[in-house]
Amino acid sequence: IAENNAAAKASIDIALHDLVGKLIGQPWYRIWGYSAEKTPATFYTIGI
């Protein structure tokens, strides 16, 4: 539709993945074949 606008495009991509996952009845990590046990710990950010 247009160049750039990555965040706008991401909003539709995320909503579409959410919708399709719900239609399938599965979370996306399972659709992709990932293990929920293999998630890392997240960082916690401290700004300047």
All heavy atoms as atom14 arrays in JSON, in Angstrom:
{
  "sequence": "IAENNAAAKASIDIALHDLVGKLIGQPWYRIWGYSAEKTPATFYTIGI",
  "atom14_mask": [
    [1, 1, 1, 1, 1, 1, 1, 1, 0, 0, 0, 0, 0, 0],
    [1, 1, 1, 1, 1, 0, 0, 0, 0, 0, 0, 0, 0, 0],
    [1, 1, 1, 1, 1, 1, 1, 1, 1, 0, 0, 0, 0, 0],
    [1, 1, 1, 1, 1, 1, 1, 1, 0, 0, 0, 0, 0, 0],
    [1, 1, 1, 1, 1, 1, 1, 1, 0, 0, 0, 0, 0, 0],
    [1, 1, 1, 1, 1, 0, 0, 0, 0, 0, 0, 0, 0, 0],
    [1, 1, 1, 1, 1, 0, 0, 0, 0, 0, 0, 0, 0, 0],
    [1, 1, 1, 1, 1, 0, 0, 0, 0, 0, 0, 0, 0, 0],
    [1, 1, 1, 1, 1, 1, 1, 1, 1, 0, 0, 0, 0, 0],
    [1, 1, 1, 1, 1, 0, 0, 0, 0, 0, 0, 0, 0, 0],
    [1, 1, 1, 1, 1, 1, 0, 0, 0, 0, 0, 0, 0, 0],
    [1, 1, 1, 1, 1, 1, 1, 1, 0, 0, 0, 0, 0, 0],
    [1, 1, 1, 1, 1, 1, 1, 1, 0, 0, 0, 0, 0, 0],
    [1, 1, 1, 1, 1, 1, 1, 1, 0, 0, 0, 0, 0, 0],
    [1, 1, 1, 1, 1, 0, 0, 0, 0, 0, 0, 0, 0, 0],
    [1, 1, 1, 1, 1, 1, 1, 1, 0, 0, 0, 0, 0, 0],
    [1, 1, 1, 1, 1, 1, 1, 1, 1, 1, 0, 0, 0, 0],
    [1, 1, 1, 1, 1, 1, 1, 1, 0, 0, 0, 0, 0, 0],
    [1, 1, 1, 1, 1, 1, 1, 1, 0, 0, 0, 0, 0, 0],
    [1, 1, 1, 1, 1, 1, 1, 0, 0, 0, 0, 0, 0, 0],
    [1, 1, 1, 1, 0, 0, 0, 0, 0, 0, 0, 0, 0, 0],
    [1, 1, 1, 1, 1, 1, 1, 1, 1, 0, 0, 0, 0, 0],
    [1, 1, 1, 1, 1, 1, 1, 1, 0, 0, 0, 0, 0, 0],
    [1, 1, 1, 1, 1, 1, 1, 1, 0, 0, 0, 0, 0, 0],
    [1, 1, 1, 1, 0, 0, 0, 0, 0, 0, 0, 0, 0, 0],
    [1, 1, 1, 1, 1, 1, 1, 1, 1, 0, 0, 0, 0, 0],
    [1, 1, 1, 1, 1, 1, 1, 0, 0, 0, 0, 0, 0, 0],
    [1, 1, 1, 1, 1, 1, 1, 1, 1, 1, 1, 1, 1, 1],
    [1, 1, 1, 1, 1, 1, 1, 1, 1, 1, 1, 1, 0, 0],
    [1, 1, 1, 1, 1, 1, 1, 1, 1, 1, 1, 0, 0, 0],
    [1, 1, 1, 1, 1, 1, 1, 1, 0, 0, 0, 0, 0, 0],
    [1, 1, 1, 1, 1, 1, 1, 1, 1, 1, 1, 1, 1, 1],
    [1, 1, 1, 1, 0, 0, 0, 0, 0, 0, 0, 0, 0, 0],
    [1, 1, 1, 1, 1, 1, 1, 1, 1, 1, 1, 1, 0, 0],
    [1, 1, 1, 1, 1, 1, 0, 0, 0, 0, 0, 0, 0, 0],
    [1, 1, 1, 1, 1, 0, 0, 0, 0, 0, 0, 0, 0, 0],
    [1, 1, 1, 1, 1, 1, 1, 1, 1, 0, 0, 0, 0, 0],
    [1, 1, 1, 1, 1, 1, 1, 1, 1, 0, 0, 0, 0, 0],
    [1, 1, 1, 1, 1, 1, 1, 0, 0, 0, 0, 0, 0, 0],
    [1, 1, 1, 1, 1, 1, 1, 0, 0, 0, 0, 0, 0, 0],
    [1, 1, 1, 1, 1, 0, 0, 0, 0, 0, 0, 0, 0, 0],
    [1, 1, 1, 1, 1, 1, 1, 0, 0, 0, 0, 0, 0, 0],
    [1, 1, 1, 1, 1, 1, 1, 1, 1, 1, 1, 0, 0, 0],
    [1, 1, 1, 1, 1, 1, 1, 1, 1, 1, 1, 1, 0, 0],
    [1, 1, 1, 1, 1, 1, 1, 0, 0, 0, 0, 0, 0, 0],
    [1, 1, 1, 1, 1, 1, 1, 1, 0, 0, 0, 0, 0, 0],
    [1, 1, 1, 1, 0, 0, 0, 0, 0, 0, 0, 0, 0, 0],
    [1, 1, 1, 1, 1, 1, 1, 1, 0, 0, 0, 0, 0, 0]
  ],
  "atom14_positions": [
    [[0.83, -1.21, 0.0], [0.0, 0.0, 0.0], [0.86, 1.26, 0.0], [0.57, 2.24, -0.69], [-0.96, 0.0, 1.21], [-2.02, -1.09, 1.03], [-1.63, 1.37, 1.38], [-2.91, -1.27, 2.24], [0.0, 0.0, 0.0], [0.0, 0.0, 0.0], [0.0, 0.0, 0.0], [0.0, 0.0, 0.0], [0.0, 0.0, 0.0], [0.0, 0.0, 0.0]],
    [[1.93, 1.25, 0.77], [2.84, 2.39, 0.84], [4.17, 1.92, 1.41], [4.24, 0.89, 2.07], [2.25, 3.5, 1.72], [0.0, 0.0, 0.0], [0.0, 0.0, 0.0], [0.0, 0.0, 0.0], [0.0, 0.0, 0.0], [0.0, 0.0, 0.0], [0.0, 0.0, 0.0], [0.0, 0.0, 0.0], [0.0, 0.0, 0.0], [0.0, 0.0, 0.0]],
    [[5.22, 2.69, 1.14], [6.52, 2.38, 1.73], [6.49, 2.73, 3.22], [5.66, 3.5, 3.69], [7.62, 3.17, 1.02], [7.87, 2.73, -0.41], [9.08, 3.4, -1.01], [9.94, 3.88, -0.23], [9.17, 3.47, -2.25], [0.0, 0.0, 0.0], [0.0, 0.0, 0.0], [0.0, 0.0, 0.0], [0.0, 0.0, 0.0], [0.0, 0.0, 0.0]],
    [[7.43, 2.17, 3.94], [7.58, 2.45, 5.37], [6.3, 2.05, 6.12], [5.76, 1.0, 5.86], [7.97, 3.91, 5.58], [9.25, 4.26, 4.83], [10.21, 3.49, 4.84], [9.27, 5.41, 4.19], [0.0, 0.0, 0.0], [0.0, 0.0, 0.0], [0.0, 0.0, 0.0], [0.0, 0.0, 0.0], [0.0, 0.0, 0.0], [0.0, 0.0, 0.0]],
    [[5.82, 2.89, 7.06], [4.61, 2.57, 7.82], [4.68, 1.19, 8.48], [3.68, 0.47, 8.54], [3.37, 2.65, 6.92], [3.12, 4.04, 6.36], [2.57, 4.89, 7.04], [3.55, 4.25, 5.13], [0.0, 0.0, 0.0], [0.0, 0.0, 0.0], [0.0, 0.0, 0.0], [0.0, 0.0, 0.0], [0.0, 0.0, 0.0], [0.0, 0.0, 0.0]],
    [[5.86, 0.82, 8.98], [6.06, -0.53, 9.49], [5.17, -0.84, 10.69], [4.62, -1.94, 10.8], [7.53, -0.74, 9.86], [0.0, 0.0, 0.0], [0.0, 0.0, 0.0], [0.0, 0.0, 0.0], [0.0, 0.0, 0.0], [0.0, 0.0, 0.0], [0.0, 0.0, 0.0], [0.0, 0.0, 0.0], [0.0, 0.0, 0.0], [0.0, 0.0, 0.0]],
    [[5.0, 0.12, 11.61], [4.17, -0.14, 12.78], [2.71, -0.32, 12.39], [2.01, -1.18, 12.95], [4.32, 0.99, 13.81], [0.0, 0.0, 0.0], [0.0, 0.0, 0.0], [0.0, 0.0, 0.0], [0.0, 0.0, 0.0], [0.0, 0.0, 0.0], [0.0, 0.0, 0.0], [0.0, 0.0, 0.0], [0.0, 0.0, 0.0], [0.0, 0.0, 0.0]],
    [[2.23, 0.48, 11.43], [0.86, 0.33, 10.95], [0.66, -1.05, 10.33], [-0.35, -1.72, 10.58], [0.54, 1.42, 9.94], [0.0, 0.0, 0.0], [0.0, 0.0, 0.0], [0.0, 0.0, 0.0], [0.0, 0.0, 0.0], [0.0, 0.0, 0.0], [0.0, 0.0, 0.0], [0.0, 0.0, 0.0], [0.0, 0.0, 0.0], [0.0, 0.0, 0.0]],
    [[1.61, -1.48, 9.53], [1.53, -2.8, 8.92], [1.59, -3.9, 9.98], [0.89, -4.92, 9.88], [2.66, -2.97, 7.9], [2.56, -2.02, 6.71], [3.79, -2.08, 5.83], [3.69, -1.09, 4.67], [4.9, -1.08, 3.81], [0.0, 0.0, 0.0], [0.0, 0.0, 0.0], [0.0, 0.0, 0.0], [0.0, 0.0, 0.0], [0.0, 0.0, 0.0]],
    [[2.43, -3.69, 11.0], [2.54, -4.69, 12.07], [1.22, -4.86, 12.81], [0.87, -5.97, 13.23], [3.64, -4.28, 13.05], [0.0, 0.0, 0.0], [0.0, 0.0, 0.0], [0.0, 0.0, 0.0], [0.0, 0.0, 0.0], [0.0, 0.0, 0.0], [0.0, 0.0, 0.0], [0.0, 0.0, 0.0], [0.0, 0.0, 0.0], [0.0, 0.0, 0.0]],
    [[0.47, -3.77, 12.96], [-0.8, -3.88, 13.69], [-1.76, -4.82, 12.98], [-2.49, -5.59, 13.63], [-1.42, -2.49, 13.86], [-1.9, -1.96, 12.64], [0.0, 0.0, 0.0], [0.0, 0.0, 0.0], [0.0, 0.0, 0.0], [0.0, 0.0, 0.0], [0.0, 0.0, 0.0], [0.0, 0.0, 0.0], [0.0, 0.0, 0.0], [0.0, 0.0, 0.0]],
    [[-1.78, -4.78, 11.64], [-2.65, -5.68, 10.88], [-2.11, -7.1, 10.92], [-2.85, -8.07, 11.09], [-2.8, -5.19, 9.43], [-3.44, -3.8, 9.42], [-3.62, -6.17, 8.6], [-3.51, -3.17, 8.04], [0.0, 0.0, 0.0], [0.0, 0.0, 0.0], [0.0, 0.0, 0.0], [0.0, 0.0, 0.0], [0.0, 0.0, 0.0], [0.0, 0.0, 0.0]],
    [[-0.8, -7.24, 10.77], [-0.16, -8.56, 10.83], [-0.48, -9.26, 12.15], [-0.85, -10.44, 12.18], [1.35, -8.4, 10.65], [2.13, -9.66, 10.92], [2.31, -10.01, 12.11], [2.57, -10.3, 9.97], [0.0, 0.0, 0.0], [0.0, 0.0, 0.0], [0.0, 0.0, 0.0], [0.0, 0.0, 0.0], [0.0, 0.0, 0.0], [0.0, 0.0, 0.0]],
    [[-0.34, -8.55, 13.27], [-0.59, -9.15, 14.57], [-2.05, -9.55, 14.71], [-2.38, -10.65, 15.18], [-0.17, -8.18, 15.7], [1.35, -7.97, 15.68], [-0.62, -8.71, 17.06], [1.82, -6.83, 16.56], [0.0, 0.0, 0.0], [0.0, 0.0, 0.0], [0.0, 0.0, 0.0], [0.0, 0.0, 0.0], [0.0, 0.0, 0.0], [0.0, 0.0, 0.0]],
    [[-2.95, -8.65, 14.29], [-4.38, -8.94, 14.38], [-4.75, -10.14, 13.52], [-5.57, -10.98, 13.92], [-5.19, -7.72, 13.98], [0.0, 0.0, 0.0], [0.0, 0.0, 0.0], [0.0, 0.0, 0.0], [0.0, 0.0, 0.0], [0.0, 0.0, 0.0], [0.0, 0.0, 0.0], [0.0, 0.0, 0.0], [0.0, 0.0, 0.0], [0.0, 0.0, 0.0]],
    [[-4.14, -10.25, 12.33], [-4.44, -11.37, 11.45], [-3.92, -12.68, 12.05], [-4.61, -13.71, 12.0], [-3.82, -11.13, 10.07], [-4.08, -12.21, 9.02], [-5.58, -12.36, 8.74], [-3.34, -11.89, 7.71], [0.0, 0.0, 0.0], [0.0, 0.0, 0.0], [0.0, 0.0, 0.0], [0.0, 0.0, 0.0], [0.0, 0.0, 0.0], [0.0, 0.0, 0.0]],
    [[-2.72, -12.66, 12.59], [-2.22, -13.87, 13.25], [-3.11, -14.26, 14.43], [-3.38, -15.46, 14.64], [-0.78, -13.65, 13.74], [0.26, -13.85, 12.68], [0.57, -12.88, 11.74], [1.05, -14.91, 12.39], [1.52, -13.34, 10.94], [1.82, -14.58, 11.31], [0.0, 0.0, 0.0], [0.0, 0.0, 0.0], [0.0, 0.0, 0.0], [0.0, 0.0, 0.0]],
    [[-3.54, -13.27, 15.2], [-4.42, -13.58, 16.33], [-5.72, -14.22, 15.84], [-6.17, -15.23, 16.39], [-4.72, -12.29, 17.1], [-5.39, -12.56, 18.44], [-5.13, -13.62, 19.04], [-6.17, -11.7, 18.89], [0.0, 0.0, 0.0], [0.0, 0.0, 0.0], [0.0, 0.0, 0.0], [0.0, 0.0, 0.0], [0.0, 0.0, 0.0], [0.0, 0.0, 0.0]],
    [[-6.29, -13.64, 14.79], [-7.54, -14.15, 14.23], [-7.38, -15.58, 13.71], [-8.17, -16.48, 14.04], [-8.02, -13.23, 13.11], [-9.26, -13.67, 12.34], [-10.48, -13.75, 13.25], [-9.51, -12.72, 11.17], [0.0, 0.0, 0.0], [0.0, 0.0, 0.0], [0.0, 0.0, 0.0], [0.0, 0.0, 0.0], [0.0, 0.0, 0.0], [0.0, 0.0, 0.0]],
    [[-6.35, -15.82, 12.92], [-6.16, -17.15, 12.33], [-5.85, -18.18, 13.41], [-6.34, -19.31, 13.36], [-5.04, -17.1, 11.26], [-4.63, -18.5, 10.82], [-5.52, -16.29, 10.05], [0.0, 0.0, 0.0], [0.0, 0.0, 0.0], [0.0, 0.0, 0.0], [0.0, 0.0, 0.0], [0.0, 0.0, 0.0], [0.0, 0.0, 0.0], [0.0, 0.0, 0.0]],
    [[-5.05, -17.81, 14.4], [-4.79, -18.73, 15.49], [-6.06, -19.13, 16.22], [-6.24, -20.28, 16.62], [0.0, 0.0, 0.0], [0.0, 0.0, 0.0], [0.0, 0.0, 0.0], [0.0, 0.0, 0.0], [0.0, 0.0, 0.0], [0.0, 0.0, 0.0], [0.0, 0.0, 0.0], [0.0, 0.0, 0.0], [0.0, 0.0, 0.0], [0.0, 0.0, 0.0]],
    [[-6.96, -18.16, 16.39], [-8.24, -18.45, 17.03], [-9.1, -19.36, 16.16], [-9.81, -20.24, 16.66], [-8.96, -17.15, 17.35], [-8.32, -16.38, 18.49], [-8.94, -15.0, 18.67], [-8.33, -14.28, 19.85], [-8.82, -12.89, 19.98], [0.0, 0.0, 0.0], [0.0, 0.0, 0.0], [0.0, 0.0, 0.0], [0.0, 0.0, 0.0], [0.0, 0.0, 0.0]],
    [[-9.06, -19.15, 14.84], [-9.83, -20.02, 13.94], [-9.29, -21.45, 13.97], [-10.05, -22.42, 13.87], [-9.79, -19.46, 12.52], [-10.56, -18.15, 12.29], [-10.26, -17.59, 10.91], [-12.06, -18.36, 12.47], [0.0, 0.0, 0.0], [0.0, 0.0, 0.0], [0.0, 0.0, 0.0], [0.0, 0.0, 0.0], [0.0, 0.0, 0.0], [0.0, 0.0, 0.0]],
    [[-7.98, -21.6, 14.09], [-7.37, -22.93, 14.19], [-7.6, -23.52, 15.58], [-7.72, -24.73, 15.75], [-5.85, -22.85, 13.91], [-5.6, -22.41, 12.46], [-5.17, -24.2, 14.16], [-4.14, -22.15, 12.16], [0.0, 0.0, 0.0], [0.0, 0.0, 0.0], [0.0, 0.0, 0.0], [0.0, 0.0, 0.0], [0.0, 0.0, 0.0], [0.0, 0.0, 0.0]],
    [[-7.64, -22.63, 16.59], [-7.81, -23.08, 17.96], [-6.52, -23.39, 18.67], [-6.51, -24.15, 19.64], [0.0, 0.0, 0.0], [0.0, 0.0, 0.0], [0.0, 0.0, 0.0], [0.0, 0.0, 0.0], [0.0, 0.0, 0.0], [0.0, 0.0, 0.0], [0.0, 0.0, 0.0], [0.0, 0.0, 0.0], [0.0, 0.0, 0.0], [0.0, 0.0, 0.0]],
    [[-5.4, -22.77, 18.19], [-4.09, -23.04, 18.78], [-3.3, -21.74, 18.94], [-3.44, -20.81, 18.15], [-3.28, -24.0, 17.9], [-3.85, -25.39, 17.79], [-3.75, -26.17, 19.08], [-2.91, -25.91, 19.93], [-4.64, -27.15, 19.25], [0.0, 0.0, 0.0], [0.0, 0.0, 0.0], [0.0, 0.0, 0.0], [0.0, 0.0, 0.0], [0.0, 0.0, 0.0]],
    [[-2.41, -21.66, 19.95], [-1.5, -20.52, 20.05], [-0.41, -20.61, 18.99], [-0.07, -21.71, 18.53], [-0.92, -20.66, 21.46], [-1.02, -22.13, 21.76], [-2.25, -22.62, 21.06], [0.0, 0.0, 0.0], [0.0, 0.0, 0.0], [0.0, 0.0, 0.0], [0.0, 0.0, 0.0], [0.0, 0.0, 0.0], [0.0, 0.0, 0.0], [0.0, 0.0, 0.0]],
    [[0.17, -19.46, 18.64], [1.12, -19.46, 17.53], [2.42, -20.2, 17.82], [3.02, -20.78, 16.91], [1.38, -18.02, 17.05], [0.39, -17.69, 15.98], [-0.79, -17.06, 16.13], [0.46, -18.08, 14.6], [-1.47, -17.0, 14.94], [-0.72, -17.62, 13.98], [1.4, -18.76, 13.84], [-0.98, -17.83, 12.62], [1.15, -18.96, 12.49], [-0.02, -18.5, 11.91]],
    [[2.87, -20.2, 19.06], [4.1, -20.94, 19.32], [3.91, -22.41, 18.99], [4.83, -23.09, 18.5], [4.57, -20.75, 20.78], [3.82, -21.55, 21.81], [4.18, -22.88, 22.08], [2.76, -21.0, 22.52], [3.5, -23.62, 23.03], [2.07, -21.73, 23.47], [2.44, -23.04, 23.72], [1.76, -23.77, 24.66], [0.0, 0.0, 0.0], [0.0, 0.0, 0.0]],
    [[2.71, -22.94, 19.21], [2.45, -24.34, 18.91], [2.27, -24.55, 17.4], [2.73, -25.55, 16.85], [1.21, -24.81, 19.68], [0.99, -26.32, 19.62], [-0.1, -26.73, 20.58], [0.31, -26.54, 21.96], [-0.5, -26.16, 22.95], [-1.77, -25.9, 22.7], [-0.05, -26.04, 24.18], [0.0, 0.0, 0.0], [0.0, 0.0, 0.0], [0.0, 0.0, 0.0]],
    [[1.62, -23.62, 16.74], [1.47, -23.71, 15.28], [2.84, -23.74, 14.61], [3.07, -24.5, 13.66], [0.64, -22.52, 14.75], [-0.8, -22.6, 15.28], [0.63, -22.5, 13.22], [-1.62, -21.35, 15.02], [0.0, 0.0, 0.0], [0.0, 0.0, 0.0], [0.0, 0.0, 0.0], [0.0, 0.0, 0.0], [0.0, 0.0, 0.0], [0.0, 0.0, 0.0]],
    [[3.77, -22.94, 15.15], [5.12, -22.89, 14.57], [6.0, -24.04, 15.05], [7.13, -24.19, 14.56], [5.78, -21.57, 14.95], [5.34, -20.41, 14.09], [4.96, -20.45, 12.79], [5.27, -19.05, 14.49], [4.66, -19.19, 12.33], [4.84, -18.31, 13.36], [5.54, -18.36, 15.67], [4.66, -16.93, 13.39], [5.35, -17.0, 15.71], [4.92, -16.29, 14.59]],
    [[5.55, -24.84, 15.98], [6.34, -25.97, 16.44], [7.35, -25.63, 17.51], [8.3, -26.39, 17.73], [0.0, 0.0, 0.0], [0.0, 0.0, 0.0], [0.0, 0.0, 0.0], [0.0, 0.0, 0.0], [0.0, 0.0, 0.0], [0.0, 0.0, 0.0], [0.0, 0.0, 0.0], [0.0, 0.0, 0.0], [0.0, 0.0, 0.0], [0.0, 0.0, 0.0]],
    [[7.18, -24.51, 18.22], [8.09, -24.13, 19.29], [7.63, -24.72, 20.62], [6.46, -25.05, 20.8], [8.16, -22.61, 19.45], [8.75, -21.88, 18.26], [8.29, -20.61, 17.93], [9.76, -22.43, 17.49], [8.83, -19.91, 16.85], [10.29, -21.75, 16.42], [9.82, -20.48, 16.1], [10.35, -19.79, 15.03], [0.0, 0.0, 0.0], [0.0, 0.0, 0.0]],
    [[8.56, -24.82, 21.56], [8.26, -25.31, 22.9], [8.14, -24.12, 23.85], [9.05, -23.29, 23.94], [9.35, -26.25, 23.4], [9.19, -26.52, 24.78], [0.0, 0.0, 0.0], [0.0, 0.0, 0.0], [0.0, 0.0, 0.0], [0.0, 0.0, 0.0], [0.0, 0.0, 0.0], [0.0, 0.0, 0.0], [0.0, 0.0, 0.0], [0.0, 0.0, 0.0]],
    [[7.05, -24.08, 24.61], [6.87, -23.02, 25.59], [7.9, -23.1, 26.7], [8.15, -22.11, 27.39], [5.46, -23.08, 26.17], [0.0, 0.0, 0.0], [0.0, 0.0, 0.0], [0.0, 0.0, 0.0], [0.0, 0.0, 0.0], [0.0, 0.0, 0.0], [0.0, 0.0, 0.0], [0.0, 0.0, 0.0], [0.0, 0.0, 0.0], [0.0, 0.0, 0.0]],
    [[8.51, -24.25, 26.87], [9.53, -24.41, 27.91], [10.85, -23.74, 27.55], [11.7, -23.54, 28.42], [9.77, -25.9, 28.18], [8.53, -26.66, 28.64], [7.94, -26.07, 29.9], [8.71, -25.78, 30.83], [6.71, -25.9, 29.95], [0.0, 0.0, 0.0], [0.0, 0.0, 0.0], [0.0, 0.0, 0.0], [0.0, 0.0, 0.0], [0.0, 0.0, 0.0]],
    [[11.02, -23.4, 26.29], [12.31, -22.86, 25.84], [12.34, -21.34, 25.76], [13.24, -20.76, 25.17], [12.67, -23.48, 24.49], [12.96, -24.97, 24.57], [13.45, -25.53, 23.25], [13.79, -27.0, 23.38], [14.27, -27.59, 22.09], [0.0, 0.0, 0.0], [0.0, 0.0, 0.0], [0.0, 0.0, 0.0], [0.0, 0.0, 0.0], [0.0, 0.0, 0.0]],
    [[11.35, -20.68, 26.35], [11.39, -19.22, 26.36], [12.53, -18.74, 27.25], [12.79, -19.31, 28.31], [10.08, -18.63, 26.89], [9.84, -19.14, 28.2], [8.9, -18.96, 25.98], [0.0, 0.0, 0.0], [0.0, 0.0, 0.0], [0.0, 0.0, 0.0], [0.0, 0.0, 0.0], [0.0, 0.0, 0.0], [0.0, 0.0, 0.0], [0.0, 0.0, 0.0]],
    [[13.23, -17.69, 26.83], [14.27, -17.11, 27.7], [13.65, -16.2, 28.75], [12.45, -15.9, 28.71], [15.13, -16.32, 26.71], [14.16, -15.9, 25.64], [13.15, -17.03, 25.53], [0.0, 0.0, 0.0], [0.0, 0.0, 0.0], [0.0, 0.0, 0.0], [0.0, 0.0, 0.0], [0.0, 0.0, 0.0], [0.0, 0.0, 0.0], [0.0, 0.0, 0.0]],
    [[14.47, -15.75, 29.67], [14.05, -14.68, 30.58], [14.14, -13.35, 29.84], [15.04, -13.14, 29.02], [14.94, -14.65, 31.82], [0.0, 0.0, 0.0], [0.0, 0.0, 0.0], [0.0, 0.0, 0.0], [0.0, 0.0, 0.0], [0.0, 0.0, 0.0], [0.0, 0.0, 0.0], [0.0, 0.0, 0.0], [0.0, 0.0, 0.0], [0.0, 0.0, 0.0]],
    [[13.21, -12.47, 30.1], [13.27, -11.17, 29.47], [14.19, -10.22, 30.23], [14.38, -10.37, 31.45], [11.87, -10.53, 29.38], [11.98, -9.26, 28.72], [11.25, -10.31, 30.75], [0.0, 0.0, 0.0], [0.0, 0.0, 0.0], [0.0, 0.0, 0.0], [0.0, 0.0, 0.0], [0.0, 0.0, 0.0], [0.0, 0.0, 0.0], [0.0, 0.0, 0.0]],
    [[14.8, -9.28, 29.52], [15.53, -8.2, 30.17], [14.52, -7.28, 30.85], [13.33, -7.27, 30.52], [16.3, -7.36, 29.15], [17.34, -8.11, 28.36], [17.92, -7.51, 27.24], [17.76, -9.38, 28.7], [18.87, -8.17, 26.5], [18.71, -10.06, 27.97], [19.27, -9.44, 26.86], [0.0, 0.0, 0.0], [0.0, 0.0, 0.0], [0.0, 0.0, 0.0]],
    [[15.0, -6.46, 31.77], [14.19, -5.38, 32.34], [14.98, -4.09, 32.15], [16.13, -3.98, 32.56], [13.91, -5.62, 33.82], [12.96, -4.58, 34.39], [11.59, -4.72, 34.24], [13.44, -3.45, 35.06], [10.71, -3.78, 34.74], [12.57, -2.5, 35.56], [11.21, -2.66, 35.39], [10.34, -1.71, 35.88], [0.0, 0.0, 0.0], [0.0, 0.0, 0.0]],
    [[14.35, -3.1, 31.51], [15.06, -1.92, 31.02], [15.08, -0.78, 32.04], [14.05, -0.46, 32.65], [14.42, -1.42, 29.72], [14.43, -2.48, 28.76], [15.2, -0.23, 29.15], [0.0, 0.0, 0.0], [0.0, 0.0, 0.0], [0.0, 0.0, 0.0], [0.0, 0.0, 0.0], [0.0, 0.0, 0.0], [0.0, 0.0, 0.0], [0.0, 0.0, 0.0]],
    [[16.24, -0.16, 32.15], [16.42, 1.06, 32.95], [16.93, 2.16, 32.02], [18.01, 2.04, 31.43], [17.41, 0.81, 34.1], [16.85, -0.24, 35.05], [17.71, 2.11, 34.85], [17.78, -0.64, 36.16], [0.0, 0.0, 0.0], [0.0, 0.0, 0.0], [0.0, 0.0, 0.0], [0.0, 0.0, 0.0], [0.0, 0.0, 0.0], [0.0, 0.0, 0.0]],
    [[16.12, 3.2, 31.85], [16.47, 4.28, 30.94], [17.51, 5.22, 31.54], [17.84, 5.17, 32.73], [0.0, 0.0, 0.0], [0.0, 0.0, 0.0], [0.0, 0.0, 0.0], [0.0, 0.0, 0.0], [0.0, 0.0, 0.0], [0.0, 0.0, 0.0], [0.0, 0.0, 0.0], [0.0, 0.0, 0.0], [0.0, 0.0, 0.0], [0.0, 0.0, 0.0]],
    [[18.04, 6.1, 30.68], [19.03, 7.09, 31.11], [18.42, 8.02, 32.14], [17.31, 8.53, 31.97], [19.55, 7.88, 29.89], [20.46, 6.99, 29.04], [20.3, 9.13, 30.34], [20.96, 7.66, 27.78], [0.0, 0.0, 0.0], [0.0, 0.0, 0.0], [0.0, 0.0, 0.0], [0.0, 0.0, 0.0], [0.0, 0.0, 0.0], [0.0, 0.0, 0.0]]
  ]
}
